[in-house]
Amino acid sequence: FWLCVVAGAYGGHGETYVSHDEIENDKA
């Protein structure tokens, strides 16, 4: 995000955290 700002541009966030239990139970 800082690299975007100093380049005169803008950034986009995303988040992909998952636990082993969620994966095993297909409930992520």
mmCIF file of all heavy atoms, coordinates in Angstrom:
data_MODEL
# 
_entry.id   MODEL 
# 
loop_
_atom_site.group_PDB 
_atom_site.id 
_atom_site.type_symbol 
_atom_site.label_atom_id 
_atom_site.label_alt_id 
_atom_site.label_comp_id 
_atom_site.label_asym_id 
_atom_site.label_entity_id 
_atom_site.label_seq_id 
_atom_site.pdbx_PDB_ins_code 
_atom_site.Cartn_x 
_atom_site.Cartn_y 
_atom_site.Cartn_z 
_atom_site.occupancy 
_atom_site.B_iso_or_equiv 
_atom_site.pdbx_formal_charge 
_atom_site.auth_seq_id 
_atom_site.auth_comp_id 
_atom_site.auth_asym_id 
_atom_site.auth_atom_id 
_atom_site.pdbx_PDB_model_num 
ATOM 1   N N   . PHE A 1 1  ? 0.830   -1.204  0.000  1.00 0.00 ? 1  PHE A N   1 
ATOM 2   C CA  . PHE A 1 1  ? 0.000   0.000   0.000  1.00 0.00 ? 1  PHE A CA  1 
ATOM 3   C C   . PHE A 1 1  ? 0.867   1.257   0.000  1.00 0.00 ? 1  PHE A C   1 
ATOM 4   O O   . PHE A 1 1  ? 0.564   2.234   -0.688 1.00 0.00 ? 1  PHE A O   1 
ATOM 5   C CB  . PHE A 1 1  ? -0.954  -0.008  1.194  1.00 0.00 ? 1  PHE A CB  1 
ATOM 6   C CG  . PHE A 1 1  ? -2.304  -0.587  0.877  1.00 0.00 ? 1  PHE A CG  1 
ATOM 7   C CD1 . PHE A 1 1  ? -2.476  -1.962  0.751  1.00 0.00 ? 1  PHE A CD1 1 
ATOM 8   C CD2 . PHE A 1 1  ? -3.400  0.232   0.681  1.00 0.00 ? 1  PHE A CD2 1 
ATOM 9   C CE1 . PHE A 1 1  ? -3.714  -2.501  0.456  1.00 0.00 ? 1  PHE A CE1 1 
ATOM 10  C CE2 . PHE A 1 1  ? -4.652  -0.291  0.374  1.00 0.00 ? 1  PHE A CE2 1 
ATOM 11  C CZ  . PHE A 1 1  ? -4.809  -1.661  0.259  1.00 0.00 ? 1  PHE A CZ  1 
ATOM 12  N N   . TRP A 1 2  ? 1.957   1.234   0.768  1.00 0.00 ? 2  TRP A N   1 
ATOM 13  C CA  . TRP A 1 2  ? 2.864   2.380   0.771  1.00 0.00 ? 2  TRP A CA  1 
ATOM 14  C C   . TRP A 1 2  ? 3.545   2.550   -0.590 1.00 0.00 ? 2  TRP A C   1 
ATOM 15  O O   . TRP A 1 2  ? 3.720   3.671   -1.070 1.00 0.00 ? 2  TRP A O   1 
ATOM 16  C CB  . TRP A 1 2  ? 3.904   2.227   1.884  1.00 0.00 ? 2  TRP A CB  1 
ATOM 17  C CG  . TRP A 1 2  ? 3.382   2.688   3.208  1.00 0.00 ? 2  TRP A CG  1 
ATOM 18  C CD1 . TRP A 1 2  ? 2.624   1.979   4.091  1.00 0.00 ? 2  TRP A CD1 1 
ATOM 19  C CD2 . TRP A 1 2  ? 3.555   3.983   3.787  1.00 0.00 ? 2  TRP A CD2 1 
ATOM 20  N NE1 . TRP A 1 2  ? 2.314   2.737   5.187  1.00 0.00 ? 2  TRP A NE1 1 
ATOM 21  C CE2 . TRP A 1 2  ? 2.878   3.985   5.034  1.00 0.00 ? 2  TRP A CE2 1 
ATOM 22  C CE3 . TRP A 1 2  ? 4.215   5.145   3.391  1.00 0.00 ? 2  TRP A CE3 1 
ATOM 23  C CZ2 . TRP A 1 2  ? 2.851   5.093   5.874  1.00 0.00 ? 2  TRP A CZ2 1 
ATOM 24  C CZ3 . TRP A 1 2  ? 4.195   6.263   4.224  1.00 0.00 ? 2  TRP A CZ3 1 
ATOM 25  C CH2 . TRP A 1 2  ? 3.510   6.225   5.448  1.00 0.00 ? 2  TRP A CH2 1 
ATOM 26  N N   . LEU A 1 3  ? 3.918   1.457   -1.221 1.00 0.00 ? 3  LEU A N   1 
ATOM 27  C CA  . LEU A 1 3  ? 4.528   1.538   -2.544 1.00 0.00 ? 3  LEU A CA  1 
ATOM 28  C C   . LEU A 1 3  ? 3.561   2.147   -3.553 1.00 0.00 ? 3  LEU A C   1 
ATOM 29  O O   . LEU A 1 3  ? 3.978   2.887   -4.452 1.00 0.00 ? 3  LEU A O   1 
ATOM 30  C CB  . LEU A 1 3  ? 4.976   0.152   -3.000 1.00 0.00 ? 3  LEU A CB  1 
ATOM 31  C CG  . LEU A 1 3  ? 6.173   -0.455  -2.258 1.00 0.00 ? 3  LEU A CG  1 
ATOM 32  C CD1 . LEU A 1 3  ? 6.411   -1.890  -2.717 1.00 0.00 ? 3  LEU A CD1 1 
ATOM 33  C CD2 . LEU A 1 3  ? 7.433   0.391   -2.448 1.00 0.00 ? 3  LEU A CD2 1 
ATOM 34  N N   . CYS A 1 4  ? 2.290   1.839   -3.408 1.00 0.00 ? 4  CYS A N   1 
ATOM 35  C CA  . CYS A 1 4  ? 1.295   2.435   -4.297 1.00 0.00 ? 4  CYS A CA  1 
ATOM 36  C C   . CYS A 1 4  ? 1.229   3.949   -4.108 1.00 0.00 ? 4  CYS A C   1 
ATOM 37  O O   . CYS A 1 4  ? 1.251   4.719   -5.077 1.00 0.00 ? 4  CYS A O   1 
ATOM 38  C CB  . CYS A 1 4  ? -0.079  1.809   -4.033 1.00 0.00 ? 4  CYS A CB  1 
ATOM 39  S SG  . CYS A 1 4  ? -0.269  0.131   -4.675 1.00 0.00 ? 4  CYS A SG  1 
ATOM 40  N N   . VAL A 1 5  ? 1.132   4.381   -2.862 1.00 0.00 ? 5  VAL A N   1 
ATOM 41  C CA  . VAL A 1 5  ? 0.982   5.810   -2.591 1.00 0.00 ? 5  VAL A CA  1 
ATOM 42  C C   . VAL A 1 5  ? 2.179   6.598   -3.103 1.00 0.00 ? 5  VAL A C   1 
ATOM 43  O O   . VAL A 1 5  ? 2.031   7.648   -3.740 1.00 0.00 ? 5  VAL A O   1 
ATOM 44  C CB  . VAL A 1 5  ? 0.761   6.053   -1.084 1.00 0.00 ? 5  VAL A CB  1 
ATOM 45  C CG1 . VAL A 1 5  ? 0.870   7.545   -0.758 1.00 0.00 ? 5  VAL A CG1 1 
ATOM 46  C CG2 . VAL A 1 5  ? -0.591  5.522   -0.657 1.00 0.00 ? 5  VAL A CG2 1 
ATOM 47  N N   . VAL A 1 6  ? 3.395   6.080   -2.845 1.00 0.00 ? 6  VAL A N   1 
ATOM 48  C CA  . VAL A 1 6  ? 4.584   6.824   -3.255 1.00 0.00 ? 6  VAL A CA  1 
ATOM 49  C C   . VAL A 1 6  ? 4.766   6.786   -4.773 1.00 0.00 ? 6  VAL A C   1 
ATOM 50  O O   . VAL A 1 6  ? 5.511   7.588   -5.337 1.00 0.00 ? 6  VAL A O   1 
ATOM 51  C CB  . VAL A 1 6  ? 5.832   6.281   -2.512 1.00 0.00 ? 6  VAL A CB  1 
ATOM 52  C CG1 . VAL A 1 6  ? 6.354   5.017   -3.156 1.00 0.00 ? 6  VAL A CG1 1 
ATOM 53  C CG2 . VAL A 1 6  ? 6.918   7.341   -2.405 1.00 0.00 ? 6  VAL A CG2 1 
ATOM 54  N N   . ALA A 1 7  ? 4.059   5.867   -5.438 1.00 0.00 ? 7  ALA A N   1 
ATOM 55  C CA  . ALA A 1 7  ? 4.079   5.812   -6.905 1.00 0.00 ? 7  ALA A CA  1 
ATOM 56  C C   . ALA A 1 7  ? 2.982   6.665   -7.521 1.00 0.00 ? 7  ALA A C   1 
ATOM 57  O O   . ALA A 1 7  ? 2.845   6.701   -8.754 1.00 0.00 ? 7  ALA A O   1 
ATOM 58  C CB  . ALA A 1 7  ? 3.937   4.367   -7.377 1.00 0.00 ? 7  ALA A CB  1 
ATOM 59  N N   . GLY A 1 8  ? 2.185   7.339   -6.691 1.00 0.00 ? 8  GLY A N   1 
ATOM 60  C CA  . GLY A 1 8  ? 1.087   8.141   -7.213 1.00 0.00 ? 8  GLY A CA  1 
ATOM 61  C C   . GLY A 1 8  ? -0.105  7.298   -7.619 1.00 0.00 ? 8  GLY A C   1 
ATOM 62  O O   . GLY A 1 8  ? -0.953  7.744   -8.401 1.00 0.00 ? 8  GLY A O   1 
ATOM 63  N N   . ALA A 1 9  ? -0.191  6.083   -7.072 1.00 0.00 ? 9  ALA A N   1 
ATOM 64  C CA  . ALA A 1 9  ? -1.281  5.157   -7.390 1.00 0.00 ? 9  ALA A CA  1 
ATOM 65  C C   . ALA A 1 9  ? -1.991  4.770   -6.094 1.00 0.00 ? 9  ALA A C   1 
ATOM 66  O O   . ALA A 1 9  ? -1.749  5.344   -5.026 1.00 0.00 ? 9  ALA A O   1 
ATOM 67  C CB  . ALA A 1 9  ? -0.732  3.929   -8.113 1.00 0.00 ? 9  ALA A CB  1 
ATOM 68  N N   . TYR A 1 10 ? -2.845  3.745   -6.193 1.00 0.00 ? 10 TYR A N   1 
ATOM 69  C CA  . TYR A 1 10 ? -3.625  3.305   -5.040 1.00 0.00 ? 10 TYR A CA  1 
ATOM 70  C C   . TYR A 1 10 ? -3.629  1.782   -4.987 1.00 0.00 ? 10 TYR A C   1 
ATOM 71  O O   . TYR A 1 10 ? -3.514  1.109   -6.014 1.00 0.00 ? 10 TYR A O   1 
ATOM 72  C CB  . TYR A 1 10 ? -5.050  3.854   -5.117 1.00 0.00 ? 10 TYR A CB  1 
ATOM 73  C CG  . TYR A 1 10 ? -5.066  5.364   -5.082 1.00 0.00 ? 10 TYR A CG  1 
ATOM 74  C CD1 . TYR A 1 10 ? -5.078  6.102   -6.269 1.00 0.00 ? 10 TYR A CD1 1 
ATOM 75  C CD2 . TYR A 1 10 ? -4.999  6.052   -3.877 1.00 0.00 ? 10 TYR A CD2 1 
ATOM 76  C CE1 . TYR A 1 10 ? -5.054  7.491   -6.248 1.00 0.00 ? 10 TYR A CE1 1 
ATOM 77  C CE2 . TYR A 1 10 ? -4.972  7.445   -3.841 1.00 0.00 ? 10 TYR A CE2 1 
ATOM 78  C CZ  . TYR A 1 10 ? -4.996  8.156   -5.025 1.00 0.00 ? 10 TYR A CZ  1 
ATOM 79  O OH  . TYR A 1 10 ? -4.948  9.528   -4.994 1.00 0.00 ? 10 TYR A OH  1 
ATOM 80  N N   . GLY A 1 11 ? -3.769  1.244   -3.769 1.00 0.00 ? 11 GLY A N   1 
ATOM 81  C CA  . GLY A 1 11 ? -3.681  -0.195  -3.573 1.00 0.00 ? 11 GLY A CA  1 
ATOM 82  C C   . GLY A 1 11 ? -5.019  -0.850  -3.304 1.00 0.00 ? 11 GLY A C   1 
ATOM 83  O O   . GLY A 1 11 ? -6.015  -0.182  -3.011 1.00 0.00 ? 11 GLY A O   1 
ATOM 84  N N   . GLY A 1 12 ? -5.025  -2.178  -3.394 1.00 0.00 ? 12 GLY A N   1 
ATOM 85  C CA  . GLY A 1 12 ? -6.207  -2.974  -3.091 1.00 0.00 ? 12 GLY A CA  1 
ATOM 86  C C   . GLY A 1 12 ? -5.854  -4.107  -2.149 1.00 0.00 ? 12 GLY A C   1 
ATOM 87  O O   . GLY A 1 12 ? -4.867  -4.810  -2.345 1.00 0.00 ? 12 GLY A O   1 
ATOM 88  N N   . HIS A 1 13 ? -6.665  -4.279  -1.119 1.00 0.00 ? 13 HIS A N   1 
ATOM 89  C CA  . HIS A 1 13 ? -6.439  -5.291  -0.087 1.00 0.00 ? 13 HIS A CA  1 
ATOM 90  C C   . HIS A 1 13 ? -7.250  -6.544  -0.372 1.00 0.00 ? 13 HIS A C   1 
ATOM 91  O O   . HIS A 1 13 ? -8.282  -6.528  -1.038 1.00 0.00 ? 13 HIS A O   1 
ATOM 92  C CB  . HIS A 1 13 ? -6.848  -4.701  1.267  1.00 0.00 ? 13 HIS A CB  1 
ATOM 93  C CG  . HIS A 1 13 ? -7.051  -5.701  2.371  1.00 0.00 ? 13 HIS A CG  1 
ATOM 94  N ND1 . HIS A 1 13 ? -8.262  -6.348  2.587  1.00 0.00 ? 13 HIS A ND1 1 
ATOM 95  C CD2 . HIS A 1 13 ? -6.208  -6.159  3.329  1.00 0.00 ? 13 HIS A CD2 1 
ATOM 96  C CE1 . HIS A 1 13 ? -8.148  -7.149  3.633  1.00 0.00 ? 13 HIS A CE1 1 
ATOM 97  N NE2 . HIS A 1 13 ? -6.923  -7.051  4.105  1.00 0.00 ? 13 HIS A NE2 1 
ATOM 98  N N   . GLY A 1 14 ? -6.771  -7.651  0.145  1.00 0.00 ? 14 GLY A N   1 
ATOM 99  C CA  . GLY A 1 14 ? -7.529  -8.883  0.181  1.00 0.00 ? 14 GLY A CA  1 
ATOM 100 C C   . GLY A 1 14 ? -6.965  -9.752  1.287  1.00 0.00 ? 14 GLY A C   1 
ATOM 101 O O   . GLY A 1 14 ? -5.819  -9.555  1.718  1.00 0.00 ? 14 GLY A O   1 
ATOM 102 N N   . GLU A 1 15 ? -7.757  -10.708 1.767  1.00 0.00 ? 15 GLU A N   1 
ATOM 103 C CA  . GLU A 1 15 ? -7.309  -11.517 2.901  1.00 0.00 ? 15 GLU A CA  1 
ATOM 104 C C   . GLU A 1 15 ? -7.772  -12.951 2.739  1.00 0.00 ? 15 GLU A C   1 
ATOM 105 O O   . GLU A 1 15 ? -8.949  -13.196 2.463  1.00 0.00 ? 15 GLU A O   1 
ATOM 106 C CB  . GLU A 1 15 ? -7.867  -10.915 4.194  1.00 0.00 ? 15 GLU A CB  1 
ATOM 107 C CG  . GLU A 1 15 ? -7.303  -11.564 5.447  1.00 0.00 ? 15 GLU A CG  1 
ATOM 108 C CD  . GLU A 1 15 ? -7.823  -10.894 6.713  1.00 0.00 ? 15 GLU A CD  1 
ATOM 109 O OE1 . GLU A 1 15 ? -7.374  -9.766  7.025  1.00 0.00 ? 15 GLU A OE1 1 
ATOM 110 O OE2 . GLU A 1 15 ? -8.690  -11.487 7.367  1.00 0.00 ? 15 GLU A OE2 1 
ATOM 111 N N   . THR A 1 16 ? -6.832  -13.891 2.917  1.00 0.00 ? 16 THR A N   1 
ATOM 112 C CA  . THR A 1 16 ? -7.124  -15.306 2.672  1.00 0.00 ? 16 THR A CA  1 
ATOM 113 C C   . THR A 1 16 ? -6.528  -16.173 3.775  1.00 0.00 ? 16 THR A C   1 
ATOM 114 O O   . THR A 1 16 ? -5.675  -17.027 3.518  1.00 0.00 ? 16 THR A O   1 
ATOM 115 C CB  . THR A 1 16 ? -6.577  -15.741 1.298  1.00 0.00 ? 16 THR A CB  1 
ATOM 116 O OG1 . THR A 1 16 ? -5.222  -15.281 1.169  1.00 0.00 ? 16 THR A OG1 1 
ATOM 117 C CG2 . THR A 1 16 ? -7.406  -15.175 0.156  1.00 0.00 ? 16 THR A CG2 1 
ATOM 118 N N   . TYR A 1 17 ? -6.974  -15.977 4.989  1.00 0.00 ? 17 TYR A N   1 
ATOM 119 C CA  . TYR A 1 17 ? -6.539  -16.816 6.103  1.00 0.00 ? 17 TYR A CA  1 
ATOM 120 C C   . TYR A 1 17 ? -7.491  -17.989 6.273  1.00 0.00 ? 17 TYR A C   1 
ATOM 121 O O   . TYR A 1 17 ? -8.712  -17.848 6.154  1.00 0.00 ? 17 TYR A O   1 
ATOM 122 C CB  . TYR A 1 17 ? -6.504  -16.014 7.408  1.00 0.00 ? 17 TYR A CB  1 
ATOM 123 C CG  . TYR A 1 17 ? -5.278  -15.147 7.552  1.00 0.00 ? 17 TYR A CG  1 
ATOM 124 C CD1 . TYR A 1 17 ? -5.354  -13.767 7.402  1.00 0.00 ? 17 TYR A CD1 1 
ATOM 125 C CD2 . TYR A 1 17 ? -4.037  -15.717 7.824  1.00 0.00 ? 17 TYR A CD2 1 
ATOM 126 C CE1 . TYR A 1 17 ? -4.231  -12.977 7.525  1.00 0.00 ? 17 TYR A CE1 1 
ATOM 127 C CE2 . TYR A 1 17 ? -2.901  -14.918 7.953  1.00 0.00 ? 17 TYR A CE2 1 
ATOM 128 C CZ  . TYR A 1 17 ? -3.006  -13.555 7.799  1.00 0.00 ? 17 TYR A CZ  1 
ATOM 129 O OH  . TYR A 1 17 ? -1.892  -12.776 7.927  1.00 0.00 ? 17 TYR A OH  1 
ATOM 130 N N   . VAL A 1 18 ? -6.917  -19.148 6.570  1.00 0.00 ? 18 VAL A N   1 
ATOM 131 C CA  . VAL A 1 18 ? -7.727  -20.352 6.772  1.00 0.00 ? 18 VAL A CA  1 
ATOM 132 C C   . VAL A 1 18 ? -7.022  -21.234 7.797  1.00 0.00 ? 18 VAL A C   1 
ATOM 133 O O   . VAL A 1 18 ? -5.785  -21.261 7.884  1.00 0.00 ? 18 VAL A O   1 
ATOM 134 C CB  . VAL A 1 18 ? -7.927  -21.099 5.428  1.00 0.00 ? 18 VAL A CB  1 
ATOM 135 C CG1 . VAL A 1 18 ? -6.614  -21.622 4.885  1.00 0.00 ? 18 VAL A CG1 1 
ATOM 136 C CG2 . VAL A 1 18 ? -8.951  -22.205 5.559  1.00 0.00 ? 18 VAL A CG2 1 
ATOM 137 N N   . SER A 1 19 ? -7.807  -21.949 8.586  1.00 0.00 ? 19 SER A N   1 
ATOM 138 C CA  . SER A 1 19 ? -7.237  -22.877 9.568  1.00 0.00 ? 19 SER A CA  1 
ATOM 139 C C   . SER A 1 19 ? -7.295  -24.296 9.030  1.00 0.00 ? 19 SER A C   1 
ATOM 140 O O   . SER A 1 19 ? -8.063  -24.604 8.108  1.00 0.00 ? 19 SER A O   1 
ATOM 141 C CB  . SER A 1 19 ? -8.008  -22.803 10.891 1.00 0.00 ? 19 SER A CB  1 
ATOM 142 O OG  . SER A 1 19 ? -9.307  -23.366 10.749 1.00 0.00 ? 19 SER A OG  1 
ATOM 143 N N   . HIS A 1 20 ? -6.485  -25.194 9.622  1.00 0.00 ? 20 HIS A N   1 
ATOM 144 C CA  . HIS A 1 20 ? -6.483  -26.600 9.185  1.00 0.00 ? 20 HIS A CA  1 
ATOM 145 C C   . HIS A 1 20 ? -7.842  -27.245 9.432  1.00 0.00 ? 20 HIS A C   1 
ATOM 146 O O   . HIS A 1 20 ? -8.311  -28.054 8.624  1.00 0.00 ? 20 HIS A O   1 
ATOM 147 C CB  . HIS A 1 20 ? -5.375  -27.365 9.906  1.00 0.00 ? 20 HIS A CB  1 
ATOM 148 C CG  . HIS A 1 20 ? -3.996  -26.935 9.510  1.00 0.00 ? 20 HIS A CG  1 
ATOM 149 N ND1 . HIS A 1 20 ? -3.495  -27.131 8.244  1.00 0.00 ? 20 HIS A ND1 1 
ATOM 150 C CD2 . HIS A 1 20 ? -3.006  -26.316 10.208 1.00 0.00 ? 20 HIS A CD2 1 
ATOM 151 C CE1 . HIS A 1 20 ? -2.261  -26.650 8.163  1.00 0.00 ? 20 HIS A CE1 1 
ATOM 152 N NE2 . HIS A 1 20 ? -1.943  -26.152 9.345  1.00 0.00 ? 20 HIS A NE2 1 
ATOM 153 N N   . ASP A 1 21 ? -8.483  -26.911 10.542 1.00 0.00 ? 21 ASP A N   1 
ATOM 154 C CA  . ASP A 1 21 ? -9.803  -27.477 10.818 1.00 0.00 ? 21 ASP A CA  1 
ATOM 155 C C   . ASP A 1 21 ? -10.815 -27.057 9.764  1.00 0.00 ? 21 ASP A C   1 
ATOM 156 O O   . ASP A 1 21 ? -11.642 -27.873 9.325  1.00 0.00 ? 21 ASP A O   1 
ATOM 157 C CB  . ASP A 1 21 ? -10.285 -27.025 12.204 1.00 0.00 ? 21 ASP A CB  1 
ATOM 158 C CG  . ASP A 1 21 ? -9.525  -27.704 13.335 1.00 0.00 ? 21 ASP A CG  1 
ATOM 159 O OD1 . ASP A 1 21 ? -8.888  -28.748 13.072 1.00 0.00 ? 21 ASP A OD1 1 
ATOM 160 O OD2 . ASP A 1 21 ? -9.574  -27.196 14.470 1.00 0.00 ? 21 ASP A OD2 1 
ATOM 161 N N   . GLU A 1 22 ? -10.761 -25.802 9.355  1.00 0.00 ? 22 GLU A N   1 
ATOM 162 C CA  . GLU A 1 22 ? -11.682 -25.324 8.333  1.00 0.00 ? 22 GLU A CA  1 
ATOM 163 C C   . GLU A 1 22 ? -11.459 -26.057 7.018  1.00 0.00 ? 22 GLU A C   1 
ATOM 164 O O   . GLU A 1 22 ? -12.418 -26.408 6.315  1.00 0.00 ? 22 GLU A O   1 
ATOM 165 C CB  . GLU A 1 22 ? -11.494 -23.816 8.127  1.00 0.00 ? 22 GLU A CB  1 
ATOM 166 C CG  . GLU A 1 22 ? -12.028 -22.960 9.257  1.00 0.00 ? 22 GLU A CG  1 
ATOM 167 C CD  . GLU A 1 22 ? -11.717 -21.495 9.064  1.00 0.00 ? 22 GLU A CD  1 
ATOM 168 O OE1 . GLU A 1 22 ? -10.648 -21.182 8.480  1.00 0.00 ? 22 GLU A OE1 1 
ATOM 169 O OE2 . GLU A 1 22 ? -12.521 -20.663 9.484  1.00 0.00 ? 22 GLU A OE2 1 
ATOM 170 N N   . ILE A 1 23 ? -10.207 -26.311 6.679  1.00 0.00 ? 23 ILE A N   1 
ATOM 171 C CA  . ILE A 1 23 ? -9.908  -27.022 5.433  1.00 0.00 ? 23 ILE A CA  1 
ATOM 172 C C   . ILE A 1 23 ? -10.422 -28.446 5.495  1.00 0.00 ? 23 ILE A C   1 
ATOM 173 O O   . ILE A 1 23 ? -11.067 -28.945 4.564  1.00 0.00 ? 23 ILE A O   1 
ATOM 174 C CB  . ILE A 1 23 ? -8.391  -26.995 5.162  1.00 0.00 ? 23 ILE A CB  1 
ATOM 175 C CG1 . ILE A 1 23 ? -7.917  -25.565 4.915  1.00 0.00 ? 23 ILE A CG1 1 
ATOM 176 C CG2 . ILE A 1 23 ? -8.055  -27.868 3.958  1.00 0.00 ? 23 ILE A CG2 1 
ATOM 177 C CD1 . ILE A 1 23 ? -6.424  -25.431 4.803  1.00 0.00 ? 23 ILE A CD1 1 
ATOM 178 N N   . GLU A 1 24 ? -10.138 -29.129 6.605  1.00 0.00 ? 24 GLU A N   1 
ATOM 179 C CA  . GLU A 1 24 ? -10.542 -30.526 6.741  1.00 0.00 ? 24 GLU A CA  1 
ATOM 180 C C   . GLU A 1 24 ? -12.063 -30.675 6.721  1.00 0.00 ? 24 GLU A C   1 
ATOM 181 O O   . GLU A 1 24 ? -12.588 -31.660 6.207  1.00 0.00 ? 24 GLU A O   1 
ATOM 182 C CB  . GLU A 1 24 ? -9.970  -31.104 8.030  1.00 0.00 ? 24 GLU A CB  1 
ATOM 183 C CG  . GLU A 1 24 ? -8.447  -31.280 7.983  1.00 0.00 ? 24 GLU A CG  1 
ATOM 184 C CD  . GLU A 1 24 ? -7.880  -31.722 9.317  1.00 0.00 ? 24 GLU A CD  1 
ATOM 185 O OE1 . GLU A 1 24 ? -8.677  -31.911 10.263 1.00 0.00 ? 24 GLU A OE1 1 
ATOM 186 O OE2 . GLU A 1 24 ? -6.644  -31.872 9.418  1.00 0.00 ? 24 GLU A OE2 1 
ATOM 187 N N   . ASN A 1 25 ? -12.773 -29.698 7.267  1.00 0.00 ? 25 ASN A N   1 
ATOM 188 C CA  . ASN A 1 25 ? -14.233 -29.776 7.325  1.00 0.00 ? 25 ASN A CA  1 
ATOM 189 C C   . ASN A 1 25 ? -14.923 -29.036 6.178  1.00 0.00 ? 25 ASN A C   1 
ATOM 190 O O   . ASN A 1 25 ? -16.150 -28.936 6.150  1.00 0.00 ? 25 ASN A O   1 
ATOM 191 C CB  . ASN A 1 25 ? -14.729 -29.211 8.660  1.00 0.00 ? 25 ASN A CB  1 
ATOM 192 C CG  . ASN A 1 25 ? -14.267 -30.044 9.840  1.00 0.00 ? 25 ASN A CG  1 
ATOM 193 O OD1 . ASN A 1 25 ? -14.437 -31.256 9.845  1.00 0.00 ? 25 ASN A OD1 1 
ATOM 194 N ND2 . ASN A 1 25 ? -13.684 -29.398 10.840 1.00 0.00 ? 25 ASN A ND2 1 
ATOM 195 N N   . ASP A 1 26 ? -14.099 -28.531 5.253  1.00 0.00 ? 26 ASP A N   1 
ATOM 196 C CA  . ASP A 1 26 ? -14.611 -27.803 4.093  1.00 0.00 ? 26 ASP A CA  1 
ATOM 197 C C   . ASP A 1 26 ? -15.543 -26.674 4.521  1.00 0.00 ? 26 ASP A C   1 
ATOM 198 O O   . ASP A 1 26 ? -16.610 -26.463 3.939  1.00 0.00 ? 26 ASP A O   1 
ATOM 199 C CB  . ASP A 1 26 ? -15.340 -28.756 3.141  1.00 0.00 ? 26 ASP A CB  1 
ATOM 200 C CG  . ASP A 1 26 ? -15.540 -28.131 1.757  1.00 0.00 ? 26 ASP A CG  1 
ATOM 201 O OD1 . ASP A 1 26 ? -14.748 -27.244 1.389  1.00 0.00 ? 26 ASP A OD1 1 
ATOM 202 O OD2 . ASP A 1 26 ? -16.500 -28.518 1.056  1.00 0.00 ? 26 ASP A OD2 1 
ATOM 203 N N   . LYS A 1 27 ? -15.133 -25.947 5.556  1.00 0.00 ? 27 LYS A N   1 
ATOM 204 C CA  . LYS A 1 27 ? -15.949 -24.842 6.069  1.00 0.00 ? 27 LYS A CA  1 
ATOM 205 C C   . LYS A 1 27 ? -15.138 -23.550 6.150  1.00 0.00 ? 27 LYS A C   1 
ATOM 206 O O   . LYS A 1 27 ? -15.368 -22.713 7.025  1.00 0.00 ? 27 LYS A O   1 
ATOM 207 C CB  . LYS A 1 27 ? -16.530 -25.200 7.435  1.00 0.00 ? 27 LYS A CB  1 
ATOM 208 C CG  . LYS A 1 27 ? -17.557 -26.324 7.398  1.00 0.00 ? 27 LYS A CG  1 
ATOM 209 C CD  . LYS A 1 27 ? -18.155 -26.562 8.769  1.00 0.00 ? 27 LYS A CD  1 
ATOM 210 C CE  . LYS A 1 27 ? -19.220 -27.659 8.714  1.00 0.00 ? 27 LYS A CE  1 
ATOM 211 N NZ  . LYS A 1 27 ? -19.827 -27.905 10.046 1.00 0.00 ? 27 LYS A NZ  1 
ATOM 212 N N   . ALA A 1 28 ? -14.186 -23.401 5.275  1.00 0.00 ? 28 ALA A N   1 
ATOM 213 C CA  . ALA A 1 28 ? -13.328 -22.222 5.308  1.00 0.00 ? 28 ALA A CA  1 
ATOM 214 C C   . ALA A 1 28 ? -14.113 -20.965 4.938  1.00 0.00 ? 28 ALA A C   1 
ATOM 215 O O   . ALA A 1 28 ? -14.858 -20.945 3.954  1.00 0.00 ? 28 ALA A O   1 
ATOM 216 C CB  . ALA A 1 28 ? -12.150 -22.405 4.362  1.00 0.00 ? 28 ALA A CB  1 
# 
